[in-house]
């Protein structure tokens, strides 16, 4: 089965479609989502209190966590019907991740971290990966920091590098899990503005987990996750 790339999918088909999703998370704790569809280029803020299932939703959407029941379809592919290797390939080619704690590779420079992102995305065959990585650093305002390692960068700069790496493979979907939580308010707003600007420029969709109501309000659509996780019976400590 051929995995679809940008521009090859049916324009009327959602980029991501989750239906009748069930996942057991632990002793008496389960995740349940009847339906969520994400259109190409759509930006959605996932809101709700801690522990309500926001991060679990991202893990299910990316195939990092399989469903027990229901389906998760990315570009028309039912992730539950694919082998682990094909899910990994689909994720690597079509999804970019931005995390709260950056997950940069400490021994590598900013430029090398972005080059690592280019290796796994659909842009891995670009004629000049170094030029492409330098262009991304330019777009996030860090061309002058290209040879600095994460420990030499501020937290805001590290998150900018992480955003550039997530976009390096030109994914259709960006999953961002509390990307501003480690930043002060002003820097967080700047980083979110940058993320939204780059996502718009690439035509990518965005699922953004945030506890910040002001940041969430900047996205066109909100999805309340507060009822996704339920507890039944006795839960062990």
Protein backbone atom coordinates (compact mmCIF):
# COMPACT_ATOMS: atom_id res chain seq x y z
CA UNK A 1 0.00 0.00 0.00
CA UNK A 2 1.53 3.30 -1.11
CA UNK A 3 1.81 5.97 1.57
CA UNK A 4 0.45 9.29 0.39
CA UNK A 5 2.52 12.48 0.29
CA UNK A 6 1.55 16.12 0.25
CA UNK A 7 -0.89 16.94 -2.51
CA UNK A 8 -1.85 13.33 -3.28
CA UNK A 9 -4.79 12.93 -0.90
CA UNK A 10 -8.46 13.53 -1.62
CA UNK A 11 -9.18 17.19 -0.84
CA UNK A 12 -12.53 16.20 0.73
CA UNK A 13 -10.92 13.66 3.02
CA UNK A 14 -9.88 14.76 6.53
CA UNK A 15 -6.17 14.79 7.22
CA UNK A 16 -6.85 13.02 10.52
CA UNK A 17 -10.02 11.16 11.51
CA UNK A 18 -10.49 9.46 14.88
CA UNK A 19 -13.68 7.42 15.31
CA UNK A 20 -15.11 5.42 18.25
CA UNK A 21 -11.68 5.36 19.86
CA UNK A 22 -11.16 3.39 23.08
CA UNK A 23 -7.89 2.80 24.93
CA UNK A 24 -7.31 1.24 28.34
CA UNK A 25 -4.70 3.33 30.15
CA UNK A 26 -4.33 1.46 33.41
CA UNK A 27 -6.13 0.02 36.39
CA UNK A 28 -9.70 1.24 35.92
CA UNK A 29 -8.66 4.20 33.75
CA UNK A 30 -9.74 4.45 30.12
CA UNK A 31 -9.68 6.92 27.26
CA UNK A 32 -12.74 7.35 25.04
CA UNK A 33 -13.24 9.63 22.04
CA UNK A 34 -16.25 9.22 19.78
CA UNK A 35 -15.09 11.45 16.94
CA UNK A 36 -12.51 14.03 15.98
CA UNK A 37 -11.67 15.16 12.46
CA UNK A 38 -8.87 17.51 11.50
CA UNK A 39 -8.94 19.11 8.06
CA UNK A 40 -5.85 19.90 6.03
CA UNK A 41 -4.37 23.15 7.35
CA UNK A 42 -6.72 23.33 10.34
CA UNK A 43 -5.42 24.62 13.68
CA UNK A 44 -6.98 23.25 16.88
CA UNK A 45 -6.20 23.93 20.55
CA UNK A 46 -6.71 20.95 22.83
CA UNK A 47 -7.78 22.24 26.24
CA UNK A 48 -8.71 20.82 29.62
CA UNK A 49 -7.22 20.11 33.06
CA UNK A 50 -4.13 18.01 33.69
CA UNK A 51 -4.75 14.30 33.30
CA UNK A 52 -7.80 14.68 31.08
CA UNK A 53 -6.21 12.94 28.08
CA UNK A 54 -4.73 15.71 25.93
CA UNK A 55 -1.30 14.12 25.56
CA UNK A 56 -2.88 10.69 25.17
CA UNK A 57 -4.88 12.08 22.26
CA UNK A 58 -1.66 13.24 20.56
CA UNK A 59 -0.07 9.83 21.10
CA UNK A 60 -3.08 8.08 19.60
CA UNK A 61 -3.24 10.50 16.68
CA UNK A 62 0.40 9.79 15.81
CA UNK A 63 0.22 6.02 16.24
CA UNK A 64 2.68 6.09 19.14
CA UNK A 65 -0.12 4.56 21.19
CA UNK A 66 -2.43 2.06 19.44
CA UNK A 67 -6.18 2.03 20.04
CA UNK A 68 -7.93 -0.94 21.63
CA UNK A 69 -11.12 -0.21 19.68
CA UNK A 70 -12.13 2.16 16.89
CA UNK A 71 -9.90 3.72 14.27
CA UNK A 72 -7.32 6.44 13.76
CA UNK A 73 -6.92 7.40 10.10
CA UNK A 74 -4.09 9.58 8.87
CA UNK A 75 -4.30 10.57 5.19
CA UNK A 76 -6.85 7.79 4.78
CA UNK A 77 -4.66 5.10 6.30
CA UNK A 78 -6.09 3.20 9.27
CA UNK A 79 -3.09 3.06 11.61
CA UNK A 80 -4.49 0.00 13.36
CA UNK A 81 -4.28 -2.00 10.14
CA UNK A 82 -0.65 -1.17 9.41
CA UNK A 83 2.49 -2.89 10.67
CA UNK A 84 4.64 -1.06 13.22
CA UNK A 85 7.21 -0.25 10.56
CA UNK A 86 4.61 1.26 8.23
CA UNK A 87 3.11 3.32 11.05
CA UNK A 88 6.63 4.56 11.85
CA UNK A 89 7.17 5.46 8.18
CA UNK A 90 3.84 7.27 7.95
CA UNK A 91 4.56 9.20 11.15
CA UNK A 92 8.06 10.12 10.05
CA UNK A 93 6.93 11.42 6.67
CA UNK A 94 3.79 13.28 7.66
CA UNK A 95 3.92 14.33 11.35
CA UNK A 96 6.17 16.79 13.18
CA UNK A 97 6.43 17.05 16.95
CA UNK A 98 7.07 20.00 19.27
CA UNK A 99 7.43 19.17 22.96
CA UNK A 100 7.44 21.15 26.20
CA UNK A 101 10.98 19.97 27.01
CA UNK A 102 12.31 20.45 23.45
CA UNK A 103 13.91 16.95 23.08
CA UNK A 104 16.90 18.33 21.23
CA UNK A 105 20.00 16.14 20.92
CA UNK A 106 22.49 17.70 23.34
CA UNK A 107 25.73 16.70 21.54
CA UNK A 108 24.50 18.27 18.28
CA UNK A 109 24.49 21.91 17.25
CA UNK A 110 21.28 23.74 16.32
CA UNK A 111 22.07 23.13 12.65
CA UNK A 112 22.76 19.43 13.22
CA UNK A 113 19.52 18.99 15.17
CA UNK A 114 17.57 20.33 12.19
CA UNK A 115 19.55 18.14 9.80
CA UNK A 116 18.44 15.18 11.94
CA UNK A 117 14.83 16.23 11.30
CA UNK A 118 15.52 16.37 7.56
CA UNK A 119 16.71 12.76 7.62
CA UNK A 120 13.33 11.40 8.65
CA UNK A 121 10.82 13.60 6.83
CA UNK A 122 9.72 13.83 3.23
CA UNK A 123 12.44 16.41 2.58
CA UNK A 124 15.26 13.96 3.27
CA UNK A 125 16.10 13.85 -0.43
CA UNK A 126 16.53 17.63 -0.86
CA UNK A 127 19.50 18.58 -3.03
CA UNK A 128 21.22 20.56 -0.27
CA UNK A 129 20.15 19.54 3.26
CA UNK A 130 22.59 21.97 4.90
CA UNK A 131 21.19 24.91 2.91
CA UNK A 132 17.64 23.80 3.78
CA UNK A 133 18.54 23.59 7.49
CA UNK A 134 20.21 27.01 7.41
CA UNK A 135 17.10 28.45 5.76
CA UNK A 136 14.96 27.07 8.58
CA UNK A 137 17.27 28.60 11.17
CA UNK A 138 16.93 31.89 9.31
CA UNK A 139 13.15 31.62 9.44
CA UNK A 140 13.17 31.14 13.22
CA UNK A 141 15.69 33.97 13.66
CA UNK A 142 18.64 31.81 14.73
CA UNK A 143 20.99 31.70 11.74
CA UNK A 144 23.68 33.30 13.94
CA UNK A 145 23.29 30.46 16.49
CA UNK A 146 23.63 27.59 14.02
CA UNK A 147 26.82 26.18 15.60
CA UNK A 148 25.67 26.47 19.21
CA UNK A 149 24.61 23.38 21.14
CA UNK A 150 21.37 23.30 23.17
CA UNK A 151 23.15 24.02 26.46
CA UNK A 152 24.45 27.26 24.93
CA UNK A 153 20.97 28.43 23.91
CA UNK A 154 18.24 30.09 25.96
CA UNK A 155 15.03 28.13 26.55
CA UNK A 156 13.25 30.27 23.96
CA UNK A 157 15.99 29.62 21.42
CA UNK A 158 15.86 25.89 22.10
CA UNK A 159 12.15 25.86 21.41
CA UNK A 160 12.69 27.77 18.17
CA UNK A 161 15.20 25.13 17.09
CA UNK A 162 12.69 22.43 18.04
CA UNK A 163 10.02 24.11 15.91
CA UNK A 164 12.43 24.33 12.96
CA UNK A 165 13.28 20.64 13.35
CA UNK A 166 9.58 19.69 13.49
CA UNK A 167 8.97 21.54 10.22
CA UNK A 168 12.13 20.31 8.50
CA UNK A 169 10.41 17.35 6.83
CA UNK A 170 7.49 19.51 5.65
CA UNK A 171 4.87 17.43 7.53
CA UNK A 172 1.14 17.89 6.96
CA UNK A 173 0.44 17.69 10.71
CA UNK A 174 2.24 19.29 13.65
CA UNK A 175 1.54 17.91 17.13
CA UNK A 176 2.60 20.39 19.82
CA UNK A 177 2.40 19.29 23.47
CA UNK A 178 2.52 22.35 25.77
CA UNK A 179 5.24 24.01 23.64
CA UNK A 180 5.19 27.22 25.72
CA UNK A 181 4.95 25.71 29.21
CA UNK A 182 8.70 25.98 29.87
CA UNK A 183 8.83 29.60 28.73
CA UNK A 184 7.98 32.88 30.42
CA UNK A 185 4.77 34.56 29.28
CA UNK A 186 6.33 37.00 26.81
CA UNK A 187 8.62 34.39 25.24
CA UNK A 188 5.75 31.90 25.09
CA UNK A 189 3.64 34.34 23.12
CA UNK A 190 6.51 35.02 20.72
CA UNK A 191 7.13 31.31 20.21
CA UNK A 192 3.44 30.61 19.58
CA UNK A 193 3.29 33.46 17.07
CA UNK A 194 6.30 31.98 15.28
CA UNK A 195 4.79 28.49 15.29
CA UNK A 196 1.47 29.74 13.89
CA UNK A 197 3.26 31.80 11.24
CA UNK A 198 5.36 28.86 10.05
CA UNK A 199 2.45 26.40 10.16
CA UNK A 200 0.42 28.81 8.02
CA UNK A 201 3.29 29.27 5.58
CA UNK A 202 3.64 25.49 5.18
CA UNK A 203 -0.11 24.86 4.97
CA UNK A 204 0.20 22.32 7.78
CA UNK A 205 -2.45 21.41 10.33
CA UNK A 206 -1.78 21.91 14.04
CA UNK A 207 -2.98 20.15 17.18
CA UNK A 208 -1.78 22.23 20.12
CA UNK A 209 -2.08 21.13 23.75
CA UNK A 210 -2.16 24.08 26.14
CA UNK A 211 -3.40 25.05 29.60
CA UNK A 212 -3.19 28.73 28.70
CA UNK A 213 -6.64 30.04 27.79
CA UNK A 214 -5.19 33.16 26.17
CA UNK A 215 -2.93 31.11 23.89
CA UNK A 216 -5.73 28.68 23.08
CA UNK A 217 -7.97 31.57 22.05
CA UNK A 218 -5.51 32.47 19.30
CA UNK A 219 -6.38 29.27 17.42
CA UNK A 220 -9.53 29.12 15.27
CA UNK A 221 -10.93 26.00 16.94
CA UNK A 222 -10.96 24.72 20.52
CA UNK A 223 -11.49 21.08 21.47
CA UNK A 224 -12.35 20.41 25.11
CA UNK A 225 -10.70 17.20 26.32
CA UNK A 226 -12.04 17.20 29.87
CA UNK A 227 -14.30 14.15 29.43
CA UNK A 228 -11.93 11.92 27.48
CA UNK A 229 -10.51 9.99 30.45
CA UNK A 230 -12.83 8.12 32.81
CA UNK A 231 -12.15 6.14 35.96
CA UNK A 232 -14.20 3.13 36.97
CA UNK A 233 -13.82 0.93 40.00
CA UNK A 234 -10.84 1.08 42.32
CA UNK A 235 -7.65 2.54 40.95
CA UNK A 236 -4.38 1.44 42.52
CA UNK A 237 -1.87 3.99 43.78
